[in-house]
N, C-alpha and C. Protein backbone atom coordinates (compact mmCIF):
# COMPACT_ATOMS: atom_id res chain seq x y z
N MET A 1 21.80 -33.93 -13.41
CA MET A 1 22.35 -32.85 -14.17
C MET A 1 23.85 -32.86 -14.03
N SER A 2 24.49 -32.30 -14.99
CA SER A 2 25.95 -32.26 -15.00
C SER A 2 26.41 -30.83 -15.19
N ILE A 3 27.62 -30.57 -14.71
CA ILE A 3 28.24 -29.26 -14.89
C ILE A 3 29.51 -29.47 -15.69
N SER A 4 29.69 -28.66 -16.70
CA SER A 4 30.86 -28.73 -17.56
C SER A 4 31.28 -27.30 -17.88
N THR A 5 32.47 -27.15 -18.44
CA THR A 5 32.86 -25.82 -18.89
C THR A 5 32.34 -25.62 -20.31
N ARG A 6 32.16 -24.39 -20.68
CA ARG A 6 31.61 -24.06 -22.00
C ARG A 6 32.48 -24.62 -23.12
N GLU A 7 33.75 -24.83 -22.85
CA GLU A 7 34.67 -25.37 -23.84
C GLU A 7 34.17 -26.70 -24.41
N PHE A 8 33.41 -27.46 -23.61
CA PHE A 8 32.97 -28.78 -24.02
C PHE A 8 31.50 -28.83 -24.46
N GLU A 9 30.91 -27.67 -24.70
CA GLU A 9 29.50 -27.62 -25.09
C GLU A 9 29.22 -28.42 -26.37
N ASN A 10 30.10 -28.33 -27.35
CA ASN A 10 29.91 -29.07 -28.60
C ASN A 10 30.03 -30.58 -28.39
N VAL A 11 30.94 -31.00 -27.53
CA VAL A 11 31.10 -32.43 -27.22
C VAL A 11 29.84 -32.94 -26.53
N VAL A 12 29.33 -32.19 -25.59
CA VAL A 12 28.10 -32.57 -24.88
C VAL A 12 26.95 -32.69 -25.87
N ALA A 13 26.82 -31.73 -26.76
CA ALA A 13 25.74 -31.76 -27.75
C ALA A 13 25.85 -32.98 -28.65
N ALA A 14 27.06 -33.31 -29.09
CA ALA A 14 27.27 -34.48 -29.95
C ALA A 14 26.94 -35.76 -29.19
N ASP A 15 27.38 -35.87 -27.94
CA ASP A 15 27.08 -37.05 -27.13
C ASP A 15 25.58 -37.19 -26.89
N ARG A 16 24.92 -36.08 -26.67
CA ARG A 16 23.47 -36.14 -26.44
C ARG A 16 22.76 -36.66 -27.69
N ARG A 17 23.19 -36.20 -28.86
CA ARG A 17 22.58 -36.68 -30.10
C ARG A 17 22.89 -38.16 -30.32
N TYR A 18 24.13 -38.55 -30.14
CA TYR A 18 24.56 -39.92 -30.43
C TYR A 18 24.03 -40.94 -29.43
N TYR A 19 24.17 -40.60 -28.14
CA TYR A 19 23.79 -41.55 -27.08
C TYR A 19 22.40 -41.30 -26.51
N GLY A 20 21.80 -40.17 -26.85
CA GLY A 20 20.49 -39.85 -26.30
C GLY A 20 20.55 -39.54 -24.81
N VAL A 21 21.61 -38.88 -24.37
CA VAL A 21 21.79 -38.56 -22.96
C VAL A 21 20.74 -37.55 -22.53
N PRO A 22 19.88 -37.90 -21.58
CA PRO A 22 18.79 -37.00 -21.19
C PRO A 22 19.15 -36.00 -20.08
N LEU A 23 20.40 -35.94 -19.68
CA LEU A 23 20.79 -35.05 -18.58
C LEU A 23 20.74 -33.59 -18.98
N ARG A 24 20.43 -32.76 -18.00
CA ARG A 24 20.55 -31.32 -18.18
C ARG A 24 22.00 -30.95 -17.92
N PHE A 25 22.50 -30.02 -18.67
CA PHE A 25 23.87 -29.56 -18.48
C PHE A 25 23.87 -28.08 -18.16
N VAL A 26 24.75 -27.71 -17.24
CA VAL A 26 25.01 -26.33 -16.87
C VAL A 26 26.47 -26.09 -17.21
N TYR A 27 26.76 -24.92 -17.72
CA TYR A 27 28.14 -24.62 -18.12
C TYR A 27 28.71 -23.48 -17.29
N THR A 28 30.02 -23.57 -17.07
CA THR A 28 30.77 -22.49 -16.45
C THR A 28 31.80 -22.02 -17.46
N PRO A 29 32.42 -20.87 -17.20
CA PRO A 29 33.51 -20.44 -18.08
C PRO A 29 34.66 -21.45 -18.05
N HIS A 30 35.53 -21.34 -19.00
CA HIS A 30 36.70 -22.21 -19.12
C HIS A 30 37.91 -21.30 -19.09
N PRO A 31 39.01 -21.68 -18.49
CA PRO A 31 39.34 -22.95 -17.85
C PRO A 31 38.97 -22.95 -16.37
N VAL A 32 39.05 -24.14 -15.79
CA VAL A 32 38.82 -24.31 -14.36
C VAL A 32 40.15 -24.62 -13.68
N ALA A 33 40.95 -25.47 -14.31
CA ALA A 33 42.24 -25.88 -13.74
C ALA A 33 43.15 -24.66 -13.56
N GLY A 34 43.74 -24.59 -12.38
CA GLY A 34 44.69 -23.53 -12.09
C GLY A 34 44.07 -22.20 -11.69
N MET A 35 42.75 -22.12 -11.65
CA MET A 35 42.09 -20.88 -11.26
C MET A 35 42.07 -20.74 -9.75
N THR A 36 42.09 -19.53 -9.28
CA THR A 36 42.04 -19.28 -7.84
C THR A 36 40.63 -19.58 -7.32
N SER A 37 40.52 -19.74 -6.03
CA SER A 37 39.20 -20.01 -5.45
C SER A 37 38.23 -18.85 -5.69
N SER A 38 38.73 -17.63 -5.74
CA SER A 38 37.83 -16.50 -5.99
C SER A 38 37.32 -16.51 -7.43
N VAL A 39 38.14 -16.92 -8.37
CA VAL A 39 37.69 -17.03 -9.76
C VAL A 39 36.66 -18.15 -9.88
N LEU A 40 36.94 -19.30 -9.26
CA LEU A 40 35.99 -20.42 -9.32
C LEU A 40 34.66 -20.04 -8.67
N ARG A 41 34.73 -19.32 -7.57
CA ARG A 41 33.49 -18.86 -6.92
C ARG A 41 32.71 -17.94 -7.86
N SER A 42 33.41 -17.08 -8.57
CA SER A 42 32.72 -16.19 -9.50
C SER A 42 32.07 -16.98 -10.63
N TYR A 43 32.68 -18.10 -11.05
CA TYR A 43 32.06 -18.95 -12.06
C TYR A 43 30.74 -19.50 -11.55
N VAL A 44 30.74 -20.01 -10.32
CA VAL A 44 29.54 -20.63 -9.75
C VAL A 44 28.48 -19.59 -9.42
N GLU A 45 28.89 -18.42 -8.99
CA GLU A 45 27.93 -17.37 -8.64
C GLU A 45 27.48 -16.56 -9.86
N GLY A 46 28.18 -16.75 -10.97
CA GLY A 46 27.87 -15.98 -12.16
C GLY A 46 26.90 -16.68 -13.10
N ALA A 47 26.85 -16.16 -14.31
CA ALA A 47 25.93 -16.67 -15.32
C ALA A 47 26.53 -17.83 -16.11
N ASP A 48 25.68 -18.76 -16.47
CA ASP A 48 26.03 -19.83 -17.39
C ASP A 48 26.28 -19.17 -18.74
N PRO A 49 27.49 -19.30 -19.31
CA PRO A 49 27.77 -18.61 -20.56
C PRO A 49 26.96 -19.14 -21.75
N ALA A 50 26.37 -20.31 -21.62
CA ALA A 50 25.55 -20.86 -22.72
C ALA A 50 24.12 -20.34 -22.67
N SER A 51 23.57 -20.22 -21.45
CA SER A 51 22.16 -19.84 -21.32
C SER A 51 21.95 -18.41 -20.84
N GLY A 52 22.96 -17.87 -20.14
CA GLY A 52 22.82 -16.53 -19.56
C GLY A 52 22.16 -16.53 -18.20
N ARG A 53 21.64 -17.68 -17.76
CA ARG A 53 21.01 -17.78 -16.43
C ARG A 53 22.09 -18.00 -15.38
N LEU A 54 21.80 -17.65 -14.14
CA LEU A 54 22.74 -17.90 -13.06
C LEU A 54 22.95 -19.40 -12.90
N VAL A 55 24.21 -19.81 -12.75
CA VAL A 55 24.56 -21.22 -12.61
C VAL A 55 23.80 -21.85 -11.45
N MET A 56 23.79 -21.20 -10.30
CA MET A 56 23.13 -21.79 -9.14
C MET A 56 21.62 -21.88 -9.32
N ASP A 57 21.01 -20.95 -10.04
CA ASP A 57 19.58 -21.06 -10.34
C ASP A 57 19.31 -22.30 -11.18
N GLU A 58 20.18 -22.56 -12.15
CA GLU A 58 20.01 -23.75 -12.99
C GLU A 58 20.20 -25.03 -12.19
N VAL A 59 21.16 -25.04 -11.28
CA VAL A 59 21.39 -26.21 -10.43
C VAL A 59 20.16 -26.46 -9.55
N ILE A 60 19.67 -25.41 -8.92
CA ILE A 60 18.50 -25.54 -8.04
C ILE A 60 17.28 -26.00 -8.84
N ASP A 61 17.06 -25.44 -10.01
CA ASP A 61 15.93 -25.87 -10.85
C ASP A 61 16.03 -27.34 -11.22
N ALA A 62 17.23 -27.80 -11.55
CA ALA A 62 17.41 -29.21 -11.91
C ALA A 62 17.14 -30.12 -10.72
N LEU A 63 17.60 -29.72 -9.54
CA LEU A 63 17.36 -30.52 -8.34
C LEU A 63 15.87 -30.55 -8.00
N ARG A 64 15.20 -29.44 -8.14
CA ARG A 64 13.76 -29.40 -7.88
C ARG A 64 13.01 -30.26 -8.88
N ALA A 65 13.40 -30.23 -10.13
CA ALA A 65 12.74 -31.02 -11.17
C ALA A 65 12.85 -32.52 -10.88
N ARG A 66 13.94 -32.92 -10.24
CA ARG A 66 14.15 -34.33 -9.90
C ARG A 66 13.61 -34.68 -8.53
N GLY A 67 13.02 -33.72 -7.85
CA GLY A 67 12.46 -33.97 -6.53
C GLY A 67 13.48 -34.09 -5.42
N ALA A 68 14.72 -33.68 -5.72
CA ALA A 68 15.79 -33.78 -4.72
C ALA A 68 15.66 -32.71 -3.65
N ILE A 69 15.10 -31.55 -4.01
CA ILE A 69 14.85 -30.49 -3.04
C ILE A 69 13.51 -29.86 -3.34
N ARG A 70 13.00 -29.11 -2.38
CA ARG A 70 11.70 -28.42 -2.58
C ARG A 70 11.89 -26.95 -2.67
């Protein structure tokens, strides 16, 4: 699975269609560069702006689906 900012959601969708990329993607708010550690933490602890699910829940689900964690 990959993590990207919502700014690149359309690029990810186009690449998935063109290249057939089977990865799951999780999105955070944009921008990331220049943000304070507290803002970045809120991105990771908050909701994926594309799905509305918590970012960490999506990460854990992806890892479980791949058998990386139980």
